[in-house]
Amino acid sequence: MVAGVIGKQKFAYDLWGDTVNTAARMESHGIPGEIQVTPETQALLKPNYHLEERGWIDIKGKGFIQVYLLKGKR
């Protein structure tokens, strides 16, 4: 991910990169009222949180990614 300020007259802080694109695609495939995470995030959260396997979603430009739903603290 790359972050920076763009603009000459009106400045704006923005983010670019594969991580940002993946997050945007995950959001567009989300379920209202749910938090869905990638396997990498699931592995970090697993010791302290309950997660439920949602299945596989097709992420444009990345292919199929298995996703999990965050259900709450253990």
C-alpha atoms as a PDB file:
ATOM      1  CA  MET A   1       0.000   0.000   0.000  1.00  0.00           C
ATOM      2  CA  VAL A   2       1.152   3.531  -0.757  1.00  0.00           C
ATOM      3  CA  ALA A   3      -0.226   6.622   0.935  1.00  0.00           C
ATOM      4  CA  GLY A   4       0.264  10.251   0.096  1.00  0.00           C
ATOM      5  CA  VAL A   5      -1.114  13.717  -0.394  1.00  0.00           C
ATOM      6  CA  ILE A   6      -2.178  14.694  -3.900  1.00  0.00           C
ATOM      7  CA  GLY A   7      -3.242  18.000  -5.409  1.00  0.00           C
ATOM      8  CA  LYS A   8      -1.867  21.478  -5.968  1.00  0.00           C
ATOM      9  CA  GLN A   9      -4.836  23.674  -5.054  1.00  0.00           C
ATOM     10  CA  LYS A  10      -6.918  21.350  -2.909  1.00  0.00           C
ATOM     11  CA  PHE A  11      -4.963  18.705  -1.030  1.00  0.00           C
ATOM     12  CA  ALA A  12      -6.312  15.211  -0.477  1.00  0.00           C
ATOM     13  CA  TYR A  13      -4.826  12.282   1.388  1.00  0.00           C
ATOM     14  CA  ASP A  14      -5.262   9.020  -0.512  1.00  0.00           C
ATOM     15  CA  LEU A  15      -4.241   5.360  -0.449  1.00  0.00           C
ATOM     16  CA  TRP A  16      -3.324   3.103  -3.393  1.00  0.00           C
ATOM     17  CA  GLY A  17      -2.278  -0.463  -3.933  1.00  0.00           C
ATOM     18  CA  ASP A  18      -3.306  -4.098  -3.971  1.00  0.00           C
ATOM     19  CA  THR A  19      -4.395  -4.040  -0.303  1.00  0.00           C
ATOM     20  CA  VAL A  20      -6.778  -1.151  -0.970  1.00  0.00           C
ATOM     21  CA  ASN A  21      -8.185  -2.867  -4.070  1.00  0.00           C
ATOM     22  CA  THR A  22      -8.741  -6.128  -2.173  1.00  0.00           C
ATOM     23  CA  ALA A  23     -10.509  -4.278   0.663  1.00  0.00           C
ATOM     24  CA  ALA A  24     -12.798  -2.510  -1.828  1.00  0.00           C
ATOM     25  CA  ARG A  25     -13.696  -5.805  -3.528  1.00  0.00           C
ATOM     26  CA  MET A  26     -14.308  -7.477  -0.155  1.00  0.00           C
ATOM     27  CA  GLU A  27     -16.653  -4.644   0.771  1.00  0.00           C
ATOM     28  CA  SER A  28     -18.598  -4.922  -2.483  1.00  0.00           C
ATOM     29  CA  HIS A  29     -19.135  -8.656  -1.819  1.00  0.00           C
ATOM     30  CA  GLY A  30     -20.031  -8.168   1.834  1.00  0.00           C
ATOM     31  CA  ILE A  31     -23.200  -9.013   3.725  1.00  0.00           C
ATOM     32  CA  PRO A  32     -25.003  -6.080   5.390  1.00  0.00           C
ATOM     33  CA  GLY A  33     -24.365  -6.072   9.139  1.00  0.00           C
ATOM     34  CA  GLU A  34     -21.468  -8.548   8.924  1.00  0.00           C
ATOM     35  CA  ILE A  35     -17.683  -8.165   9.041  1.00  0.00           C
ATOM     36  CA  GLN A  36     -15.864 -10.418   6.608  1.00  0.00           C
ATOM     37  CA  VAL A  37     -12.139 -11.026   6.660  1.00  0.00           C
ATOM     38  CA  THR A  38      -9.444 -12.744   4.632  1.00  0.00           C
ATOM     39  CA  PRO A  39      -7.653 -15.930   5.770  1.00  0.00           C
ATOM     40  CA  GLU A  40      -4.651 -13.852   6.894  1.00  0.00           C
ATOM     41  CA  THR A  41      -6.825 -11.719   9.187  1.00  0.00           C
ATOM     42  CA  GLN A  42      -8.750 -14.785  10.353  1.00  0.00           C
ATOM     43  CA  ALA A  43      -5.484 -16.395  11.488  1.00  0.00           C
ATOM     44  CA  LEU A  44      -4.599 -13.310  13.548  1.00  0.00           C
ATOM     45  CA  LEU A  45      -8.067 -13.012  15.130  1.00  0.00           C
ATOM     46  CA  LYS A  46      -8.721 -16.730  15.708  1.00  0.00           C
ATOM     47  CA  PRO A  47      -7.193 -16.938  19.228  1.00  0.00           C
ATOM     48  CA  ASN A  48      -9.497 -14.232  20.612  1.00  0.00           C
ATOM     49  CA  TYR A  49     -12.568 -14.165  18.357  1.00  0.00           C
ATOM     50  CA  HIS A  50     -15.207 -16.505  16.966  1.00  0.00           C
ATOM     51  CA  LEU A  51     -15.139 -16.650  13.163  1.00  0.00           C
ATOM     52  CA  GLU A  52     -17.407 -18.531  10.800  1.00  0.00           C
ATOM     53  CA  GLU A  53     -16.341 -19.741   7.372  1.00  0.00           C
ATOM     54  CA  ARG A  54     -18.424 -17.981   4.724  1.00  0.00           C
ATOM     55  CA  GLY A  55     -16.919 -19.695   1.701  1.00  0.00           C
ATOM     56  CA  TRP A  56     -15.186 -18.498  -1.422  1.00  0.00           C
ATOM     57  CA  ILE A  57     -15.811 -15.237  -3.264  1.00  0.00           C
ATOM     58  CA  ASP A  58     -14.457 -14.177  -6.640  1.00  0.00           C
ATOM     59  CA  ILE A  59     -12.336 -11.057  -6.225  1.00  0.00           C
ATOM     60  CA  LYS A  60     -11.750  -9.220  -9.503  1.00  0.00           C
ATOM     61  CA  GLY A  61      -8.078  -9.348 -10.385  1.00  0.00           C
ATOM     62  CA  LYS A  62      -7.205 -11.850  -7.621  1.00  0.00           C
ATOM     63  CA  GLY A  63      -9.436 -14.852  -8.229  1.00  0.00           C
ATOM     64  CA  PHE A  64     -11.275 -16.800  -5.551  1.00  0.00           C
ATOM     65  CA  ILE A  65     -10.505 -15.995  -1.900  1.00  0.00           C
ATOM     66  CA  GLN A  66     -11.898 -17.860   1.087  1.00  0.00           C
ATOM     67  CA  VAL A  67     -13.547 -15.454   3.526  1.00  0.00           C
ATOM     68  CA  TYR A  68     -14.679 -15.652   7.135  1.00  0.00           C
ATOM     69  CA  LEU A  69     -17.310 -13.759   9.114  1.00  0.00           C
ATOM     70  CA  LEU A  70     -16.333 -12.218  12.444  1.00  0.00           C
ATOM     71  CA  LYS A  71     -18.971 -13.302  14.979  1.00  0.00           C
ATOM     72  CA  GLY A  72     -17.680 -11.922  18.278  1.00  0.00           C
ATOM     73  CA  LYS A  73     -15.158 -12.122  21.049  1.00  0.00           C
ATOM     74  CA  ARG A  74     -14.390 -15.484  22.727  1.00  0.00           C
END
